[in-house]
Amino acid sequence: MGTLGFLSEWKFAEYKRAFREVYMSGAGAGDRASILGDCKPTAAEEQAESSMNPTGWSSVRGKCMGLSRGARILMRNRLKVGLFTADGEPVQPMPLPGTSNDRGVYVMNEVLIHRGKEPHLVVVDIFVGGRFLTEAVADGLIVSTPTGSTAYSLSSGGSIVHPLVPATLLTPICARSLSFRPLVLPSSTPITLRLSEKNRGRELEVSIDGVNIGHGMAVGMEARIWNAEMRRGKDDWHGGVPSVMRRILGGEAHDGWVGGLNGLLKFNYPFGEEEH
């Protein structure tokens, strides 16, 4: 999922090194605090890694790397979405193989409702936290996680949000009103998108993480999106998606994400200048 590399900082061929770094550091799921902090390894740590053979690392777990190790497991937030009829009844089952349950479908990147092949703009009533926000007239709407903020939402003018920020993004696609700007909301805020009776098309298309669910939204139907709970147990985490963060030797722990903005998106890259 995804092609730029924000979701996974490692190429598949590097999977052994990724697991080795986490294993040696003794890092566990949810060790998030040091990702943006000063986690620069010591000279002894770098020397230990550079001189280590492919099989010699198993005996030094958590010893030479310790808490100053830059490799961490980042727990990425997810959303849940449920599709409901005009009578408030859930659409069962949600037609997405392997992900259906009575409490909604997990979303890693974004939920997209779009006019599809219909020639008219969609008219959608938006409710935030149970309160009416606005009537949106646009090609469609995107509700995304921070992980999805560098995907379709970004192409539609949404903000870039660091994956450590507990937030949900609401981004319009080609809105008719120039004053309808993207929003960044607390992750705990539920969002409801209801297809208005003013809609001129027959139904909207609904996609989850780039997959069309095969069941459109008719007038009066709702897409309800809420935060998937992520909590820490005694020895593990419940919810969320673990992501192994890359550490760059001689660099800071946050170089991976910041470097992604520069290297993958060419963030604020001036036109007409050659890359150094």
C-alpha atoms as a PDB file:
ATOM      1  CA  MET A   1       0.000   0.000   0.000  1.00  0.00           C
ATOM      2  CA  GLY A   2       1.521   3.270  -1.110  1.00  0.00           C
ATOM      3  CA  THR A   3       4.446   3.919  -3.432  1.00  0.00           C
ATOM      4  CA  LEU A   4       6.454   6.789  -1.926  1.00  0.00           C
ATOM      5  CA  GLY A   5       7.690   5.005   1.183  1.00  0.00           C
ATOM      6  CA  PHE A   6       6.085   6.890   4.086  1.00  0.00           C
ATOM      7  CA  LEU A   7       4.162   3.883   5.350  1.00  0.00           C
ATOM      8  CA  SER A   8       7.201   1.627   5.413  1.00  0.00           C
ATOM      9  CA  GLU A   9      10.634   3.164   5.766  1.00  0.00           C
ATOM     10  CA  TRP A  10      12.312  -0.074   4.704  1.00  0.00           C
ATOM     11  CA  LYS A  11      12.526  -1.880   1.409  1.00  0.00           C
ATOM     12  CA  PHE A  12      11.439  -5.507   1.647  1.00  0.00           C
ATOM     13  CA  ALA A  13      14.982  -6.696   0.911  1.00  0.00           C
ATOM     14  CA  GLU A  14      16.080  -4.984   4.145  1.00  0.00           C
ATOM     15  CA  TYR A  15      13.678  -6.863   6.411  1.00  0.00           C
ATOM     16  CA  LYS A  16      16.480  -8.721   8.210  1.00  0.00           C
ATOM     17  CA  ARG A  17      18.215  -5.508   9.182  1.00  0.00           C
ATOM     18  CA  ALA A  18      14.931  -3.933  10.301  1.00  0.00           C
ATOM     19  CA  PHE A  19      14.119  -6.793  12.665  1.00  0.00           C
ATOM     20  CA  ARG A  20      17.749  -6.957  13.829  1.00  0.00           C
ATOM     21  CA  GLU A  21      17.748  -3.286  14.845  1.00  0.00           C
ATOM     22  CA  VAL A  22      14.561  -3.642  16.873  1.00  0.00           C
ATOM     23  CA  TYR A  23      15.695  -6.913  18.430  1.00  0.00           C
ATOM     24  CA  MET A  24      19.059  -5.522  19.525  1.00  0.00           C
ATOM     25  CA  SER A  25      17.520  -2.399  20.982  1.00  0.00           C
ATOM     26  CA  GLY A  26      15.031  -4.370  23.043  1.00  0.00           C
ATOM     27  CA  ALA A  27      12.370  -2.006  21.694  1.00  0.00           C
ATOM     28  CA  GLY A  28       8.759  -2.989  22.072  1.00  0.00           C
ATOM     29  CA  ALA A  29       5.572  -1.988  20.349  1.00  0.00           C
ATOM     30  CA  GLY A  30       4.651   1.547  21.277  1.00  0.00           C
ATOM     31  CA  ASP A  31       8.156   2.773  22.151  1.00  0.00           C
ATOM     32  CA  ARG A  32       7.270   6.128  20.665  1.00  0.00           C
ATOM     33  CA  ALA A  33       8.745   8.781  22.945  1.00  0.00           C
ATOM     34  CA  SER A  34      12.212   8.949  21.467  1.00  0.00           C
ATOM     35  CA  ILE A  35      11.316   9.137  17.783  1.00  0.00           C
ATOM     36  CA  LEU A  36      11.474  12.914  17.715  1.00  0.00           C
ATOM     37  CA  GLY A  37      13.926  13.277  20.553  1.00  0.00           C
ATOM     38  CA  ASP A  38      17.707  13.244  20.603  1.00  0.00           C
ATOM     39  CA  CYS A  39      18.538   9.609  20.001  1.00  0.00           C
ATOM     40  CA  LYS A  40      21.937  10.017  18.404  1.00  0.00           C
ATOM     41  CA  PRO A  41      23.947   6.820  18.967  1.00  0.00           C
ATOM     42  CA  THR A  42      27.290   6.927  20.684  1.00  0.00           C
ATOM     43  CA  ALA A  43      30.542   6.148  18.893  1.00  0.00           C
ATOM     44  CA  ALA A  44      30.721   2.834  20.754  1.00  0.00           C
ATOM     45  CA  GLU A  45      27.259   1.877  19.527  1.00  0.00           C
ATOM     46  CA  GLU A  46      28.091   2.668  15.922  1.00  0.00           C
ATOM     47  CA  GLN A  47      31.359   0.761  16.190  1.00  0.00           C
ATOM     48  CA  ALA A  48      29.545  -2.242  17.655  1.00  0.00           C
ATOM     49  CA  GLU A  49      27.086  -2.357  14.783  1.00  0.00           C
ATOM     50  CA  SER A  50      29.581  -1.800  11.994  1.00  0.00           C
ATOM     51  CA  SER A  51      31.805  -4.644  13.209  1.00  0.00           C
ATOM     52  CA  MET A  52      28.969  -7.104  13.861  1.00  0.00           C
ATOM     53  CA  ASN A  53      28.610 -10.103  11.570  1.00  0.00           C
ATOM     54  CA  PRO A  54      25.164 -11.206  10.309  1.00  0.00           C
ATOM     55  CA  THR A  55      24.718 -13.808  13.062  1.00  0.00           C
ATOM     56  CA  GLY A  56      26.513 -12.155  15.957  1.00  0.00           C
ATOM     57  CA  TRP A  57      23.747  -9.776  16.956  1.00  0.00           C
ATOM     58  CA  SER A  58      21.566 -12.359  18.701  1.00  0.00           C
ATOM     59  CA  SER A  59      23.748 -12.344  21.823  1.00  0.00           C
ATOM     60  CA  VAL A  60      23.674  -8.588  22.426  1.00  0.00           C
ATOM     61  CA  ARG A  61      19.979  -7.850  22.626  1.00  0.00           C
ATOM     62  CA  GLY A  62      19.414  -4.622  24.494  1.00  0.00           C
ATOM     63  CA  LYS A  63      23.073  -4.394  25.582  1.00  0.00           C
ATOM     64  CA  CYS A  64      25.112  -2.284  23.199  1.00  0.00           C
ATOM     65  CA  MET A  65      22.110  -0.377  21.841  1.00  0.00           C
ATOM     66  CA  GLY A  66      19.971   0.250  24.909  1.00  0.00           C
ATOM     67  CA  LEU A  67      17.444   3.070  25.158  1.00  0.00           C
ATOM     68  CA  SER A  68      19.583   5.404  23.076  1.00  0.00           C
ATOM     69  CA  ARG A  69      19.021   3.185  20.090  1.00  0.00           C
ATOM     70  CA  GLY A  70      17.224   5.074  17.311  1.00  0.00           C
ATOM     71  CA  ALA A  71      15.255   2.078  16.022  1.00  0.00           C
ATOM     72  CA  ARG A  72      11.753   2.149  17.441  1.00  0.00           C
ATOM     73  CA  ILE A  73       8.397   0.558  16.728  1.00  0.00           C
ATOM     74  CA  LEU A  74       5.852   3.254  15.929  1.00  0.00           C
ATOM     75  CA  MET A  75       2.204   2.366  16.531  1.00  0.00           C
ATOM     76  CA  ARG A  76       0.202   4.032  13.773  1.00  0.00           C
ATOM     77  CA  ASN A  77      -3.397   5.047  14.430  1.00  0.00           C
ATOM     78  CA  ARG A  78      -6.298   3.627  12.438  1.00  0.00           C
ATOM     79  CA  LEU A  79      -9.887   4.637  11.872  1.00  0.00           C
ATOM     80  CA  LYS A  80     -13.063   2.585  11.645  1.00  0.00           C
ATOM     81  CA  VAL A  81     -15.904   3.179   9.229  1.00  0.00           C
ATOM     82  CA  GLY A  82     -19.447   1.869   9.050  1.00  0.00           C
ATOM     83  CA  LEU A  83     -22.007   2.355   6.296  1.00  0.00           C
ATOM     84  CA  PHE A  84     -25.621   2.874   7.384  1.00  0.00           C
ATOM     85  CA  THR A  85     -28.961   3.043   5.589  1.00  0.00           C
ATOM     86  CA  ALA A  86     -31.345   5.996   5.750  1.00  0.00           C
ATOM     87  CA  ASP A  87     -33.156   4.138   8.555  1.00  0.00           C
ATOM     88  CA  GLY A  88     -29.976   3.921  10.618  1.00  0.00           C
ATOM     89  CA  GLU A  89     -29.454   0.222  10.004  1.00  0.00           C
ATOM     90  CA  PRO A  90     -25.878  -0.925   9.338  1.00  0.00           C
ATOM     91  CA  VAL A  91     -25.107  -2.268   5.888  1.00  0.00           C
ATOM     92  CA  GLN A  92     -24.227  -5.888   6.607  1.00  0.00           C
ATOM     93  CA  PRO A  93     -21.873  -7.228   5.721  1.00  0.00           C
ATOM     94  CA  MET A  94     -19.525  -4.471   4.662  1.00  0.00           C
ATOM     95  CA  PRO A  95     -18.394  -5.895   1.288  1.00  0.00           C
ATOM     96  CA  LEU A  96     -14.669  -5.875   1.968  1.00  0.00           C
ATOM     97  CA  PRO A  97     -13.327  -9.449   2.323  1.00  0.00           C
ATOM     98  CA  GLY A  98     -11.444 -10.243   5.515  1.00  0.00           C
ATOM     99  CA  THR A  99     -12.207  -6.973   7.285  1.00  0.00           C
ATOM    100  CA  SER A 100     -15.908  -7.085   8.103  1.00  0.00           C
ATOM    101  CA  ASN A 101     -17.255  -7.102  11.611  1.00  0.00           C
ATOM    102  CA  ASP A 102     -20.190  -5.667  13.501  1.00  0.00           C
ATOM    103  CA  ARG A 103     -18.216  -2.658  14.649  1.00  0.00           C
ATOM    104  CA  GLY A 104     -16.946  -1.333  11.338  1.00  0.00           C
ATOM    105  CA  VAL A 105     -14.031  -1.772   8.975  1.00  0.00           C
ATOM    106  CA  TYR A 106     -10.468  -0.720   9.823  1.00  0.00           C
ATOM    107  CA  VAL A 107      -8.939   2.135   7.823  1.00  0.00           C
ATOM    108  CA  MET A 108      -5.186   2.636   7.572  1.00  0.00           C
ATOM    109  CA  ASN A 109      -5.004   5.565   5.142  1.00  0.00           C
ATOM    110  CA  GLU A 110      -8.347   7.086   4.213  1.00  0.00           C
ATOM    111  CA  VAL A 111     -12.060   6.773   3.580  1.00  0.00           C
ATOM    112  CA  LEU A 112     -13.110   8.305   0.277  1.00  0.00           C
ATOM    113  CA  ILE A 113     -16.594   9.159  -0.950  1.00  0.00           C
ATOM    114  CA  HIS A 114     -16.622  10.392  -4.526  1.00  0.00           C
ATOM    115  CA  ARG A 115     -19.100  11.221  -7.287  1.00  0.00           C
ATOM    116  CA  GLY A 116     -17.479   8.565  -9.481  1.00  0.00           C
ATOM    117  CA  LYS A 117     -18.913   8.501 -12.994  1.00  0.00           C
ATOM    118  CA  GLU A 118     -21.746  10.884 -12.113  1.00  0.00           C
ATOM    119  CA  PRO A 119     -21.346  14.286 -13.851  1.00  0.00           C
ATOM    120  CA  HIS A 120     -22.722  16.333 -10.929  1.00  0.00           C
ATOM    121  CA  LEU A 121     -21.053  17.540  -7.764  1.00  0.00           C
ATOM    122  CA  VAL A 122     -22.079  15.660  -4.634  1.00  0.00           C
ATOM    123  CA  VAL A 123     -23.988  17.289  -1.794  1.00  0.00           C
ATOM    124  CA  VAL A 124     -23.049  15.862   1.608  1.00  0.00           C
ATOM    125  CA  ASP A 125     -24.068  16.948   5.108  1.00  0.00           C
ATOM    126  CA  ILE A 126     -21.094  16.775   7.476  1.00  0.00           C
ATOM    127  CA  PHE A 127     -21.479  16.191  11.211  1.00  0.00           C
ATOM    128  CA  VAL A 128     -18.491  16.510  13.548  1.00  0.00           C
ATOM    129  CA  GLY A 129     -18.822  15.196  17.086  1.00  0.00           C
ATOM    130  CA  GLY A 130     -22.572  14.801  16.558  1.00  0.00           C
ATOM    131  CA  ARG A 131     -23.076  18.437  15.555  1.00  0.00           C
ATOM    132  CA  PHE A 132     -23.874  19.699  12.059  1.00  0.00           C
ATOM    133  CA  LEU A 133     -20.826  21.374  10.519  1.00  0.00           C
ATOM    134  CA  THR A 134     -21.675  22.214   6.927  1.00  0.00           C
ATOM    135  CA  GLU A 135     -23.250  21.154   3.666  1.00  0.00           C
ATOM    136  CA  ALA A 136     -20.398  20.230   1.353  1.00  0.00           C
ATOM    137  CA  VAL A 137     -20.703  20.588  -2.410  1.00  0.00           C
ATOM    138  CA  ALA A 138     -17.669  19.009  -4.027  1.00  0.00           C
ATOM    139  CA  ASP A 139     -16.358  16.139  -6.144  1.00  0.00           C
ATOM    140  CA  GLY A 140     -15.960  14.177  -2.930  1.00  0.00           C
ATOM    141  CA  LEU A 141     -14.592  14.066   0.614  1.00  0.00           C
ATOM    142  CA  ILE A 142     -11.612  12.349   2.230  1.00  0.00           C
ATOM    143  CA  VAL A 143     -11.353  11.384   5.900  1.00  0.00           C
ATOM    144  CA  SER A 144      -7.812  10.237   6.618  1.00  0.00           C
ATOM    145  CA  THR A 145      -5.373   9.276   9.342  1.00  0.00           C
ATOM    146  CA  PRO A 146      -1.996  10.998   9.814  1.00  0.00           C
ATOM    147  CA  THR A 147      -0.495   8.066   7.893  1.00  0.00           C
ATOM    148  CA  GLY A 148      -2.853   8.834   5.008  1.00  0.00           C
ATOM    149  CA  SER A 149      -2.067  12.549   5.127  1.00  0.00           C
ATOM    150  CA  THR A 150       0.721  12.045   2.574  1.00  0.00           C
ATOM    151  CA  ALA A 151      -1.579  10.146   0.169  1.00  0.00           C
ATOM    152  CA  TYR A 152      -4.762  11.281  -1.614  1.00  0.00           C
ATOM    153  CA  SER A 153      -5.476  13.900   1.052  1.00  0.00           C
ATOM    154  CA  LEU A 154      -2.183  15.638   0.299  1.00  0.00           C
ATOM    155  CA  SER A 155      -2.942  15.686  -3.437  1.00  0.00           C
ATOM    156  CA  SER A 156      -6.258  17.373  -2.598  1.00  0.00           C
ATOM    157  CA  GLY A 157      -4.613  20.145  -0.583  1.00  0.00           C
ATOM    158  CA  GLY A 158      -4.688  18.572   2.879  1.00  0.00           C
ATOM    159  CA  SER A 159      -2.054  19.114   5.548  1.00  0.00           C
ATOM    160  CA  ILE A 160       0.921  16.844   6.185  1.00  0.00           C
ATOM    161  CA  VAL A 161       0.540  15.434   9.703  1.00  0.00           C
ATOM    162  CA  HIS A 162       3.244  13.533  11.570  1.00  0.00           C
ATOM    163  CA  PRO A 163       2.129   9.975  12.484  1.00  0.00           C
ATOM    164  CA  LEU A 164       2.692  10.710  16.192  1.00  0.00           C
ATOM    165  CA  VAL A 165      -0.050  13.345  16.173  1.00  0.00           C
ATOM    166  CA  PRO A 166      -3.437  11.895  17.277  1.00  0.00           C
ATOM    167  CA  ALA A 167      -5.579  13.502  14.604  1.00  0.00           C
ATOM    168  CA  THR A 168      -8.157  12.904  11.883  1.00  0.00           C
ATOM    169  CA  LEU A 169      -8.131  14.888   8.641  1.00  0.00           C
ATOM    170  CA  LEU A 170     -11.212  16.029   6.719  1.00  0.00           C
ATOM    171  CA  THR A 171     -10.294  17.116   3.195  1.00  0.00           C
ATOM    172  CA  PRO A 172     -12.679  18.199   0.416  1.00  0.00           C
ATOM    173  CA  ILE A 173     -11.972  17.278  -3.208  1.00  0.00           C
ATOM    174  CA  CYS A 174     -12.515  20.216  -5.578  1.00  0.00           C
ATOM    175  CA  ALA A 175     -15.034  21.998  -3.351  1.00  0.00           C
ATOM    176  CA  ARG A 176     -17.344  24.507  -5.010  1.00  0.00           C
ATOM    177  CA  SER A 177     -16.797  27.021  -2.220  1.00  0.00           C
ATOM    178  CA  LEU A 178     -13.285  28.443  -1.932  1.00  0.00           C
ATOM    179  CA  SER A 179     -13.881  28.934   1.816  1.00  0.00           C
ATOM    180  CA  PHE A 180     -14.242  25.190   2.451  1.00  0.00           C
ATOM    181  CA  ARG A 181     -10.731  24.388   3.629  1.00  0.00           C
ATOM    182  CA  PRO A 182      -9.236  21.112   4.946  1.00  0.00           C
ATOM    183  CA  LEU A 183      -9.638  20.468   8.670  1.00  0.00           C
ATOM    184  CA  VAL A 184      -7.455  18.688  11.227  1.00  0.00           C
ATOM    185  CA  LEU A 185      -9.558  17.329  14.093  1.00  0.00           C
ATOM    186  CA  PRO A 186      -8.788  15.424  17.309  1.00  0.00           C
ATOM    187  CA  SER A 187      -8.633  11.699  16.640  1.00  0.00           C
ATOM    188  CA  SER A 188     -11.376  11.117  19.233  1.00  0.00           C
ATOM    189  CA  THR A 189     -13.887  13.157  17.207  1.00  0.00           C
ATOM    190  CA  PRO A 190     -16.440  11.032  15.282  1.00  0.00           C
ATOM    191  CA  ILE A 191     -17.352  12.208  11.779  1.00  0.00           C
ATOM    192  CA  THR A 192     -20.589  11.445   9.924  1.00  0.00           C
ATOM    193  CA  LEU A 193     -21.062  12.027   6.186  1.00  0.00           C
ATOM    194  CA  ARG A 194     -24.722  11.903   5.070  1.00  0.00           C
ATOM    195  CA  LEU A 195     -25.727  12.076   1.421  1.00  0.00           C
ATOM    196  CA  SER A 196     -28.156  14.981   1.146  1.00  0.00           C
ATOM    197  CA  GLU A 197     -31.544  14.853  -0.571  1.00  0.00           C
ATOM    198  CA  LYS A 198     -30.249  17.710  -2.726  1.00  0.00           C
ATOM    199  CA  ASN A 199     -27.780  15.360  -4.381  1.00  0.00           C
ATOM    200  CA  ARG A 200     -28.488  15.168  -8.127  1.00  0.00           C
ATOM    201  CA  GLY A 201     -26.628  11.941  -8.776  1.00  0.00           C
ATOM    202  CA  ARG A 202     -27.985   8.481  -7.992  1.00  0.00           C
ATOM    203  CA  GLU A 203     -25.330   7.380  -5.523  1.00  0.00           C
ATOM    204  CA  LEU A 204     -21.728   7.946  -4.449  1.00  0.00           C
ATOM    205  CA  GLU A 205     -18.820   5.566  -4.662  1.00  0.00           C
ATOM    206  CA  VAL A 206     -17.115   4.585  -1.402  1.00  0.00           C
ATOM    207  CA  SER A 207     -13.484   3.470  -1.195  1.00  0.00           C
ATOM    208  CA  ILE A 208     -11.393   2.368   1.784  1.00  0.00           C
ATOM    209  CA  ASP A 209      -7.606   2.472   1.441  1.00  0.00           C
ATOM    210  CA  GLY A 210      -7.891   2.556  -2.331  1.00  0.00           C
ATOM    211  CA  VAL A 211     -10.375  -0.349  -2.564  1.00  0.00           C
ATOM    212  CA  ASN A 212     -13.893   0.308  -3.858  1.00  0.00           C
ATOM    213  CA  ILE A 213     -16.214  -1.498  -1.453  1.00  0.00           C
ATOM    214  CA  GLY A 214     -18.703  -2.212  -4.232  1.00  0.00           C
ATOM    215  CA  HIS A 215     -21.634  -0.698  -2.351  1.00  0.00           C
ATOM    216  CA  GLY A 216     -22.541   2.905  -3.129  1.00  0.00           C
ATOM    217  CA  MET A 217     -24.172   5.504  -0.907  1.00  0.00           C
ATOM    218  CA  ALA A 218     -27.739   6.426  -1.827  1.00  0.00           C
ATOM    219  CA  VAL A 219     -29.628   9.509  -0.625  1.00  0.00           C
ATOM    220  CA  GLY A 220     -30.006   9.506   3.166  1.00  0.00           C
ATOM    221  CA  MET A 221     -27.273   6.921   3.767  1.00  0.00           C
ATOM    222  CA  GLU A 222     -24.418   7.711   6.142  1.00  0.00           C
ATOM    223  CA  ALA A 223     -20.751   6.877   6.434  1.00  0.00           C
ATOM    224  CA  ARG A 224     -19.775   7.021  10.101  1.00  0.00           C
ATOM    225  CA  ILE A 225     -16.082   7.280  10.859  1.00  0.00           C
ATOM    226  CA  TRP A 226     -14.533   7.054  14.316  1.00  0.00           C
ATOM    227  CA  ASN A 227     -11.145   6.427  15.885  1.00  0.00           C
ATOM    228  CA  ALA A 228     -10.032   2.825  16.400  1.00  0.00           C
ATOM    229  CA  GLU A 229      -9.042   2.531  20.054  1.00  0.00           C
ATOM    230  CA  MET A 230      -5.358   2.032  20.720  1.00  0.00           C
ATOM    231  CA  ARG A 231      -4.364   1.279  24.289  1.00  0.00           C
ATOM    232  CA  ARG A 232      -1.388  -0.162  26.086  1.00  0.00           C
ATOM    233  CA  GLY A 233      -1.715  -3.355  28.090  1.00  0.00           C
ATOM    234  CA  LYS A 234       0.637  -4.723  30.688  1.00  0.00           C
ATOM    235  CA  ASP A 235       3.102  -6.169  28.192  1.00  0.00           C
ATOM    236  CA  ASP A 236       1.718  -5.177  24.795  1.00  0.00           C
ATOM    237  CA  TRP A 237      -0.420  -2.806  22.779  1.00  0.00           C
ATOM    238  CA  HIS A 238      -3.973  -3.314  21.551  1.00  0.00           C
ATOM    239  CA  GLY A 239      -4.958  -1.709  18.270  1.00  0.00           C
ATOM    240  CA  GLY A 240      -2.797   0.272  15.910  1.00  0.00           C
ATOM    241  CA  VAL A 241      -0.364  -0.947  13.265  1.00  0.00           C
ATOM    242  CA  PRO A 242       3.314  -1.414  14.269  1.00  0.00           C
ATOM    243  CA  SER A 243       5.872   0.205  11.978  1.00  0.00           C
ATOM    244  CA  VAL A 244       9.635  -0.222  12.409  1.00  0.00           C
ATOM    245  CA  MET A 245      11.334   3.155  12.216  1.00  0.00           C
ATOM    246  CA  ARG A 246      14.663   3.431  10.431  1.00  0.00           C
ATOM    247  CA  ARG A 247      17.695   4.886  12.216  1.00  0.00           C
ATOM    248  CA  ILE A 248      20.352   6.597  10.156  1.00  0.00           C
ATOM    249  CA  LEU A 249      23.898   6.069  11.419  1.00  0.00           C
ATOM    250  CA  GLY A 250      25.403   9.373  12.470  1.00  0.00           C
ATOM    251  CA  GLY A 251      22.021  11.109  12.245  1.00  0.00           C
ATOM    252  CA  GLU A 252      19.037  11.918  14.402  1.00  0.00           C
ATOM    253  CA  ALA A 253      16.129   9.544  14.935  1.00  0.00           C
ATOM    254  CA  HIS A 254      13.675  11.884  13.240  1.00  0.00           C
ATOM    255  CA  ASP A 255      15.811  12.088  10.089  1.00  0.00           C
ATOM    256  CA  GLY A 256      13.722   9.319   8.541  1.00  0.00           C
ATOM    257  CA  TRP A 257      10.438  11.246   8.555  1.00  0.00           C
ATOM    258  CA  VAL A 258      11.996  14.635   7.845  1.00  0.00           C
ATOM    259  CA  GLY A 259      14.150  13.058   5.177  1.00  0.00           C
ATOM    260  CA  GLY A 260      11.010  11.599   3.658  1.00  0.00           C
ATOM    261  CA  LEU A 261       9.578  15.070   3.201  1.00  0.00           C
ATOM    262  CA  ASN A 262      12.752  16.207   1.502  1.00  0.00           C
ATOM    263  CA  GLY A 263      13.653  13.078  -0.420  1.00  0.00           C
ATOM    264  CA  LEU A 264      10.242  11.674  -1.351  1.00  0.00           C
ATOM    265  CA  LEU A 265       8.059  14.768  -1.687  1.00  0.00           C
ATOM    266  CA  LYS A 266      10.830  17.278  -2.546  1.00  0.00           C
ATOM    267  CA  PHE A 267       9.293  19.470   0.157  1.00  0.00           C
ATOM    268  CA  ASN A 268       9.596  23.188  -0.734  1.00  0.00           C
ATOM    269  CA  TYR A 269      12.054  22.242  -3.471  1.00  0.00           C
ATOM    270  CA  PRO A 270      12.837  25.363  -5.547  1.00  0.00           C
ATOM    271  CA  PHE A 271      12.082  25.216  -9.239  1.00  0.00           C
ATOM    272  CA  GLY A 272      14.970  25.410 -11.675  1.00  0.00           C
ATOM    273  CA  GLU A 273      17.645  24.184  -9.256  1.00  0.00           C
ATOM    274  CA  GLU A 274      19.465  20.900  -9.529  1.00  0.00           C
ATOM    275  CA  GLU A 275      19.296  18.476  -6.612  1.00  0.00           C
ATOM    276  CA  HIS A 276      22.480  18.334  -4.518  1.00  0.00           C
END
